[in-house]
Amino acid sequence: MAMEAAEIERLIREAIPGAEVTIDDLRGDGDHYAAHVVAGAFRDKTRVQQHQMVYQALRGKMGDDLHALALQTAAPDDA
């Protein structure tokens, strides 16, 4: 089952308030996306911790509704 880009963006924004989120559908199939997320909540977090926050926001949909997500994250100072 494919997932809409708007749904990915909504889930991330709900879990990480104030995040700037850009989602690109890489293949046009609703299954392979790239996400760029910039959030103040990422300050003083490692890249792994930032990615974990985004994956948690997706509420277990990775690997099921969402097959692939190329993820770039940054704090506003690093963007």
PDB file of N, CA and C in Angstrom:
ATOM      1  N   MET A   1       0.844  -1.187   0.000  1.00  0.00           N
ATOM      2  CA  MET A   1       0.000   0.000   0.000  1.00  0.00           C
ATOM      3  C   MET A   1       0.888   1.249   0.000  1.00  0.00           C
ATOM      4  N   ALA A   2       0.644   2.134  -0.923  1.00  0.00           N
ATOM      5  CA  ALA A   2       1.433   3.364  -1.058  1.00  0.00           C
ATOM      6  C   ALA A   2       0.989   4.394  -0.025  1.00  0.00           C
ATOM      7  N   MET A   3       1.870   5.356   0.203  1.00  0.00           N
ATOM      8  CA  MET A   3       1.608   6.419   1.176  1.00  0.00           C
ATOM      9  C   MET A   3       1.743   7.759   0.472  1.00  0.00           C
ATOM     10  N   GLU A   4       0.844   8.665   0.746  1.00  0.00           N
ATOM     11  CA  GLU A   4       0.870   9.990   0.139  1.00  0.00           C
ATOM     12  C   GLU A   4       1.940  10.873   0.784  1.00  0.00           C
ATOM     13  N   ALA A   5       2.580  11.711  -0.017  1.00  0.00           N
ATOM     14  CA  ALA A   5       3.595  12.638   0.491  1.00  0.00           C
ATOM     15  C   ALA A   5       3.015  13.550   1.570  1.00  0.00           C
ATOM     16  N   ALA A   6       1.786  13.979   1.386  1.00  0.00           N
ATOM     17  CA  ALA A   6       1.140  14.869   2.364  1.00  0.00           C
ATOM     18  C   ALA A   6       0.983  14.177   3.717  1.00  0.00           C
ATOM     19  N   GLU A   7       0.736  12.866   3.705  1.00  0.00           N
ATOM     20  CA  GLU A   7       0.600  12.121   4.954  1.00  0.00           C
ATOM     21  C   GLU A   7       1.947  12.026   5.675  1.00  0.00           C
ATOM     22  N   ILE A   8       3.016  11.795   4.939  1.00  0.00           N
ATOM     23  CA  ILE A   8       4.355  11.748   5.527  1.00  0.00           C
ATOM     24  C   ILE A   8       4.671  13.092   6.176  1.00  0.00           C
ATOM     25  N   GLU A   9       4.424  14.150   5.437  1.00  0.00           N
ATOM     26  CA  GLU A   9       4.686  15.505   5.946  1.00  0.00           C
ATOM     27  C   GLU A   9       3.865  15.780   7.196  1.00  0.00           C
ATOM     28  N   ARG A  10       2.584  15.424   7.177  1.00  0.00           N
ATOM     29  CA  ARG A  10       1.705  15.664   8.329  1.00  0.00           C
ATOM     30  C   ARG A  10       2.211  14.932   9.575  1.00  0.00           C
ATOM     31  N   LEU A  11       2.576  13.667   9.420  1.00  0.00           N
ATOM     32  CA  LEU A  11       3.050  12.885  10.567  1.00  0.00           C
ATOM     33  C   LEU A  11       4.324  13.490  11.167  1.00  0.00           C
ATOM     34  N   ILE A  12       5.229  13.923  10.308  1.00  0.00           N
ATOM     35  CA  ILE A  12       6.480  14.523  10.795  1.00  0.00           C
ATOM     36  C   ILE A  12       6.204  15.837  11.501  1.00  0.00           C
ATOM     37  N   ARG A  13       5.373  16.684  10.897  1.00  0.00           N
ATOM     38  CA  ARG A  13       5.058  17.986  11.509  1.00  0.00           C
ATOM     39  C   ARG A  13       4.333  17.831  12.849  1.00  0.00           C
ATOM     40  N   GLU A  14       3.460  16.824  12.958  1.00  0.00           N
ATOM     41  CA  GLU A  14       2.754  16.600  14.219  1.00  0.00           C
ATOM     42  C   GLU A  14       3.723  16.172  15.325  1.00  0.00           C
ATOM     43  N   ALA A  15       4.674  15.316  14.982  1.00  0.00           N
ATOM     44  CA  ALA A  15       5.591  14.776  15.984  1.00  0.00           C
ATOM     45  C   ALA A  15       6.741  15.723  16.312  1.00  0.00           C
ATOM     46  N   ILE A  16       7.100  16.576  15.340  1.00  0.00           N
ATOM     47  CA  ILE A  16       8.220  17.504  15.526  1.00  0.00           C
ATOM     48  C   ILE A  16       7.709  18.914  15.212  1.00  0.00           C
ATOM     49  N   PRO A  17       7.044  19.553  16.165  1.00  0.00           N
ATOM     50  CA  PRO A  17       6.463  20.883  15.934  1.00  0.00           C
ATOM     51  C   PRO A  17       7.518  21.886  15.454  1.00  0.00           C
ATOM     52  N   GLY A  18       7.124  22.695  14.501  1.00  0.00           N
ATOM     53  CA  GLY A  18       8.003  23.725  13.969  1.00  0.00           C
ATOM     54  C   GLY A  18       8.955  23.228  12.893  1.00  0.00           C
ATOM     55  N   ALA A  19       8.895  21.953  12.570  1.00  0.00           N
ATOM     56  CA  ALA A  19       9.792  21.400  11.555  1.00  0.00           C
ATOM     57  C   ALA A  19       9.446  21.936  10.166  1.00  0.00           C
ATOM     58  N   GLU A  20      10.489  22.208   9.396  1.00  0.00           N
ATOM     59  CA  GLU A  20      10.328  22.527   7.976  1.00  0.00           C
ATOM     60  C   GLU A  20      10.525  21.208   7.240  1.00  0.00           C
ATOM     61  N   VAL A  21       9.513  20.786   6.498  1.00  0.00           N
ATOM     62  CA  VAL A  21       9.532  19.471   5.867  1.00  0.00           C
ATOM     63  C   VAL A  21       9.320  19.607   4.369  1.00  0.00           C
ATOM     64  N   THR A  22      10.202  18.995   3.602  1.00  0.00           N
ATOM     65  CA  THR A  22      10.051  18.918   2.146  1.00  0.00           C
ATOM     66  C   THR A  22      10.070  17.448   1.765  1.00  0.00           C
ATOM     67  N   ILE A  23       9.060  17.015   1.032  1.00  0.00           N
ATOM     68  CA  ILE A  23       8.955  15.628   0.605  1.00  0.00           C
ATOM     69  C   ILE A  23       8.949  15.584  -0.924  1.00  0.00           C
ATOM     70  N   ASP A  24       9.785  14.717  -1.493  1.00  0.00           N
ATOM     71  CA  ASP A  24       9.811  14.515  -2.942  1.00  0.00           C
ATOM     72  C   ASP A  24       9.530  13.049  -3.243  1.00  0.00           C
ATOM     73  N   ASP A  25       8.611  12.799  -4.176  1.00  0.00           N
ATOM     74  CA  ASP A  25       8.323  11.441  -4.624  1.00  0.00           C
ATOM     75  C   ASP A  25       9.348  11.105  -5.700  1.00  0.00           C
ATOM     76  N   LEU A  26      10.270  10.224  -5.394  1.00  0.00           N
ATOM     77  CA  LEU A  26      11.415   9.970  -6.271  1.00  0.00           C
ATOM     78  C   LEU A  26      11.059   9.232  -7.548  1.00  0.00           C
ATOM     79  N   ARG A  27      10.066   8.361  -7.489  1.00  0.00           N
ATOM     80  CA  ARG A  27       9.717   7.553  -8.659  1.00  0.00           C
ATOM     81  C   ARG A  27       8.306   7.810  -9.169  1.00  0.00           C
ATOM     82  N   GLY A  28       7.549   8.605  -8.447  1.00  0.00           N
ATOM     83  CA  GLY A  28       6.169   8.848  -8.843  1.00  0.00           C
ATOM     84  C   GLY A  28       5.254   7.679  -8.515  1.00  0.00           C
ATOM     85  N   ASP A  29       5.734   6.767  -7.657  1.00  0.00           N
ATOM     86  CA  ASP A  29       4.950   5.578  -7.335  1.00  0.00           C
ATOM     87  C   ASP A  29       4.348   5.601  -5.931  1.00  0.00           C
ATOM     88  N   GLY A  30       4.592   6.674  -5.175  1.00  0.00           N
ATOM     89  CA  GLY A  30       4.063   6.770  -3.822  1.00  0.00           C
ATOM     90  C   GLY A  30       4.718   5.790  -2.865  1.00  0.00           C
ATOM     91  N   ASP A  31       5.872   5.274  -3.234  1.00  0.00           N
ATOM     92  CA  ASP A  31       6.537   4.247  -2.438  1.00  0.00           C
ATOM     93  C   ASP A  31       7.995   4.580  -2.126  1.00  0.00           C
ATOM     94  N   HIS A  32       8.566   5.510  -2.886  1.00  0.00           N
ATOM     95  CA  HIS A  32       9.983   5.889  -2.728  1.00  0.00           C
ATOM     96  C   HIS A  32      10.067   7.410  -2.628  1.00  0.00           C
ATOM     97  N   TYR A  33      10.404   7.883  -1.439  1.00  0.00           N
ATOM     98  CA  TYR A  33      10.428   9.322  -1.187  1.00  0.00           C
ATOM     99  C   TYR A  33      11.792   9.785  -0.687  1.00  0.00           C
ATOM    100  N   ALA A  34      12.014  11.082  -0.828  1.00  0.00           N
ATOM    101  CA  ALA A  34      13.136  11.757  -0.190  1.00  0.00           C
ATOM    102  C   ALA A  34      12.522  12.815   0.719  1.00  0.00           C
ATOM    103  N   ALA A  35      13.037  12.926   1.940  1.00  0.00           N
ATOM    104  CA  ALA A  35      12.544  13.915   2.888  1.00  0.00           C
ATOM    105  C   ALA A  35      13.710  14.742   3.391  1.00  0.00           C
ATOM    106  N   HIS A  36      13.492  16.052   3.453  1.00  0.00           N
ATOM    107  CA  HIS A  36      14.456  16.964   4.045  1.00  0.00           C
ATOM    108  C   HIS A  36      13.732  17.637   5.199  1.00  0.00           C
ATOM    109  N   VAL A  37      14.256  17.441   6.414  1.00  0.00           N
ATOM    110  CA  VAL A  37      13.594  17.948   7.610  1.00  0.00           C
ATOM    111  C   VAL A  37      14.574  18.816   8.397  1.00  0.00           C
ATOM    112  N   VAL A  38      14.178  20.066   8.642  1.00  0.00           N
ATOM    113  CA  VAL A  38      14.976  20.993   9.442  1.00  0.00           C
ATOM    114  C   VAL A  38      14.131  21.343  10.664  1.00  0.00           C
ATOM    115  N   ALA A  39      14.712  21.129  11.866  1.00  0.00           N
ATOM    116  CA  ALA A  39      13.934  21.371  13.082  1.00  0.00           C
ATOM    117  C   ALA A  39      14.830  21.783  14.240  1.00  0.00           C
ATOM    118  N   GLY A  40      14.342  22.712  15.022  1.00  0.00           N
ATOM    119  CA  GLY A  40      15.050  23.128  16.220  1.00  0.00           C
ATOM    120  C   GLY A  40      15.224  21.974  17.200  1.00  0.00           C
ATOM    121  N   ALA A  41      14.297  21.023  17.178  1.00  0.00           N
ATOM    122  CA  ALA A  41      14.381  19.862  18.067  1.00  0.00           C
ATOM    123  C   ALA A  41      15.611  19.006  17.780  1.00  0.00           C
ATOM    124  N   PHE A  42      16.234  19.209  16.635  1.00  0.00           N
ATOM    125  CA  PHE A  42      17.416  18.430  16.267  1.00  0.00           C
ATOM    126  C   PHE A  42      18.719  19.002  16.851  1.00  0.00           C
ATOM    127  N   ARG A  43      18.644  20.204  17.445  1.00  0.00           N
ATOM    128  CA  ARG A  43      19.852  20.789  18.030  1.00  0.00           C
ATOM    129  C   ARG A  43      20.452  19.849  19.071  1.00  0.00           C
ATOM    130  N   ASP A  44      21.770  19.737  19.051  1.00  0.00           N
ATOM    131  CA  ASP A  44      22.512  18.910  20.001  1.00  0.00           C
ATOM    132  C   ASP A  44      22.187  17.422  19.896  1.00  0.00           C
ATOM    133  N   LYS A  45      21.587  17.005  18.784  1.00  0.00           N
ATOM    134  CA  LYS A  45      21.312  15.594  18.533  1.00  0.00           C
ATOM    135  C   LYS A  45      22.247  15.114  17.427  1.00  0.00           C
ATOM    136  N   THR A  46      22.664  13.859  17.522  1.00  0.00           N
ATOM    137  CA  THR A  46      23.465  13.281  16.442  1.00  0.00           C
ATOM    138  C   THR A  46      22.553  13.049  15.236  1.00  0.00           C
ATOM    139  N   ARG A  47      23.152  12.827  14.104  1.00  0.00           N
ATOM    140  CA  ARG A  47      22.378  12.546  12.891  1.00  0.00           C
ATOM    141  C   ARG A  47      21.510  11.293  13.092  1.00  0.00           C
ATOM    142  N   VAL A  48      22.068  10.295  13.757  1.00  0.00           N
ATOM    143  CA  VAL A  48      21.302   9.067  14.024  1.00  0.00           C
ATOM    144  C   VAL A  48      20.078   9.377  14.892  1.00  0.00           C
ATOM    145  N   GLN A  49      20.259  10.183  15.928  1.00  0.00           N
ATOM    146  CA  GLN A  49      19.141  10.557  16.797  1.00  0.00           C
ATOM    147  C   GLN A  49      18.086  11.352  16.028  1.00  0.00           C
ATOM    148  N   GLN A  50      18.527  12.238  15.143  1.00  0.00           N
ATOM    149  CA  GLN A  50      17.593  13.009  14.318  1.00  0.00           C
ATOM    150  C   GLN A  50      16.766  12.076  13.438  1.00  0.00           C
ATOM    151  N   HIS A  51      17.421  11.114  12.802  1.00  0.00           N
ATOM    152  CA  HIS A  51      16.722  10.177  11.927  1.00  0.00           C
ATOM    153  C   HIS A  51      15.754   9.314  12.738  1.00  0.00           C
ATOM    154  N   GLN A  52      16.159   8.912  13.935  1.00  0.00           N
ATOM    155  CA  GLN A  52      15.283   8.124  14.796  1.00  0.00           C
ATOM    156  C   GLN A  52      14.018   8.905  15.141  1.00  0.00           C
ATOM    157  N   MET A  53      14.152  10.198  15.367  1.00  0.00           N
ATOM    158  CA  MET A  53      12.991  11.033  15.665  1.00  0.00           C
ATOM    159  C   MET A  53      12.012  11.037  14.494  1.00  0.00           C
ATOM    160  N   VAL A  54      12.547  11.134  13.275  1.00  0.00           N
ATOM    161  CA  VAL A  54      11.681  11.132  12.087  1.00  0.00           C
ATOM    162  C   VAL A  54      11.018   9.764  11.925  1.00  0.00           C
ATOM    163  N   TYR A  55      11.776   8.687  12.073  1.00  0.00           N
ATOM    164  CA  TYR A  55      11.201   7.352  11.939  1.00  0.00           C
ATOM    165  C   TYR A  55      10.122   7.106  12.990  1.00  0.00           C
ATOM    166  N   GLN A  56      10.333   7.611  14.211  1.00  0.00           N
ATOM    167  CA  GLN A  56       9.309   7.481  15.249  1.00  0.00           C
ATOM    168  C   GLN A  56       8.049   8.247  14.850  1.00  0.00           C
ATOM    169  N   ALA A  57       8.237   9.382  14.209  1.00  0.00           N
ATOM    170  CA  ALA A  57       7.098  10.184  13.761  1.00  0.00           C
ATOM    171  C   ALA A  57       6.244   9.433  12.743  1.00  0.00           C
ATOM    172  N   LEU A  58       6.867   8.538  11.990  1.00  0.00           N
ATOM    173  CA  LEU A  58       6.147   7.797  10.950  1.00  0.00           C
ATOM    174  C   LEU A  58       5.357   6.615  11.507  1.00  0.00           C
ATOM    175  N   ARG A  59       5.423   6.423  12.807  1.00  0.00           N
ATOM    176  CA  ARG A  59       4.571   5.466  13.523  1.00  0.00           C
ATOM    177  C   ARG A  59       4.576   4.062  12.920  1.00  0.00           C
ATOM    178  N   GLY A  60       5.758   3.548  12.630  1.00  0.00           N
ATOM    179  CA  GLY A  60       5.874   2.176  12.168  1.00  0.00           C
ATOM    180  C   GLY A  60       5.480   1.931  10.727  1.00  0.00           C
ATOM    181  N   LYS A  61       5.278   2.986   9.952  1.00  0.00           N
ATOM    182  CA  LYS A  61       4.869   2.809   8.558  1.00  0.00           C
ATOM    183  C   LYS A  61       6.035   2.486   7.624  1.00  0.00           C
ATOM    184  N   MET A  62       7.275   2.711   8.100  1.00  0.00           N
ATOM    185  CA  MET A  62       8.454   2.370   7.287  1.00  0.00           C
ATOM    186  C   MET A  62       8.487   0.862   7.066  1.00  0.00           C
ATOM    187  N   GLY A  63       8.720   0.462   5.824  1.00  0.00           N
ATOM    188  CA  GLY A  63       8.812  -0.950   5.498  1.00  0.00           C
ATOM    189  C   GLY A  63       7.456  -1.580   5.236  1.00  0.00           C
ATOM    190  N   ASP A  64       6.385  -0.870   5.537  1.00  0.00           N
ATOM    191  CA  ASP A  64       5.040  -1.382   5.299  1.00  0.00           C
ATOM    192  C   ASP A  64       4.357  -0.484   4.270  1.00  0.00           C
ATOM    193  N   ASP A  65       3.742   0.595   4.733  1.00  0.00           N
ATOM    194  CA  ASP A  65       3.102   1.541   3.816  1.00  0.00           C
ATOM    195  C   ASP A  65       4.130   2.354   3.045  1.00  0.00           C
ATOM    196  N   LEU A  66       5.289   2.549   3.628  1.00  0.00           N
ATOM    197  CA  LEU A  66       6.346   3.363   3.032  1.00  0.00           C
ATOM    198  C   LEU A  66       7.570   2.484   2.827  1.00  0.00           C
ATOM    199  N   HIS A  67       7.894   2.224   1.575  1.00  0.00           N
ATOM    200  CA  HIS A  67       8.974   1.292   1.258  1.00  0.00           C
ATOM    201  C   HIS A  67      10.357   1.911   1.444  1.00  0.00           C
ATOM    202  N   ALA A  68      10.568   3.130   0.937  1.00  0.00           N
ATOM    203  CA  ALA A  68      11.903   3.728   0.984  1.00  0.00           C
ATOM    204  C   ALA A  68      11.804   5.231   1.252  1.00  0.00           C
ATOM    205  N   LEU A  69      12.679   5.698   2.143  1.00  0.00           N
ATOM    206  CA  LEU A  69      12.731   7.120   2.466  1.00  0.00           C
ATOM    207  C   LEU A  69      14.189   7.538   2.576  1.00  0.00           C
ATOM    208  N   ALA A  70      14.644   8.339   1.620  1.00  0.00           N
ATOM    209  CA  ALA A  70      15.979   8.939   1.683  1.00  0.00           C
ATOM    210  C   ALA A  70      15.835  10.164   2.574  1.00  0.00           C
ATOM    211  N   LEU A  71      16.537  10.175   3.683  1.00  0.00           N
ATOM    212  CA  LEU A  71      16.304  11.172   4.717  1.00  0.00           C
ATOM    213  C   LEU A  71      17.514  12.072   4.930  1.00  0.00           C
ATOM    214  N   GLN A  72      17.267  13.375   4.910  1.00  0.00           N
ATOM    215  CA  GLN A  72      18.266  14.380   5.271  1.00  0.00           C
ATOM    216  C   GLN A  72      17.677  15.209   6.392  1.00  0.00           C
ATOM    217  N   THR A  73      18.436  15.368   7.474  1.00  0.00           N
ATOM    218  CA  THR A  73      17.958  16.149   8.607  1.00  0.00           C
ATOM    219  C   THR A  73      19.020  17.163   9.014  1.00  0.00           C
ATOM    220  N   ALA A  74      18.566  18.231   9.659  1.00  0.00           N
ATOM    221  CA  ALA A  74      19.492  19.262  10.147  1.00  0.00           C
ATOM    222  C   ALA A  74      18.773  20.156  11.149  1.00  0.00           C
ATOM    223  N   ALA A  75      19.563  20.734  12.043  1.00  0.00           N
ATOM    224  CA  ALA A  75      19.069  21.793  12.906  1.00  0.00           C
ATOM    225  C   ALA A  75      19.108  23.079  12.080  1.00  0.00           C
ATOM    226  N   PRO A  76      18.301  24.088  12.420  1.00  0.00           N
ATOM    227  CA  PRO A  76      18.277  25.314  11.628  1.00  0.00           C
ATOM    228  C   PRO A  76      19.666  25.951  11.457  1.00  0.00           C
ATOM    229  N   ASP A  77      20.517  25.867  12.444  1.00  0.00           N
ATOM    230  CA  ASP A  77      21.839  26.470  12.359  1.00  0.00           C
ATOM    231  C   ASP A  77      22.736  25.735  11.361  1.00  0.00           C
ATOM    232  N   ASP A  78      22.424  24.458  11.118  1.00  0.00           N
ATOM    233  CA  ASP A  78      23.235  23.620  10.239  1.00  0.00           C
ATOM    234  C   ASP A  78      22.729  23.556   8.812  1.00  0.00           C
ATOM    235  N   ALA A  79      21.482  23.988   8.598  1.00  0.00           N
ATOM    236  CA  ALA A  79      20.848  23.839   7.284  1.00  0.00           C
ATOM    237  C   ALA A  79      21.473  24.717   6.219  1.00  0.00           C
TER     238      ALA A  79
END
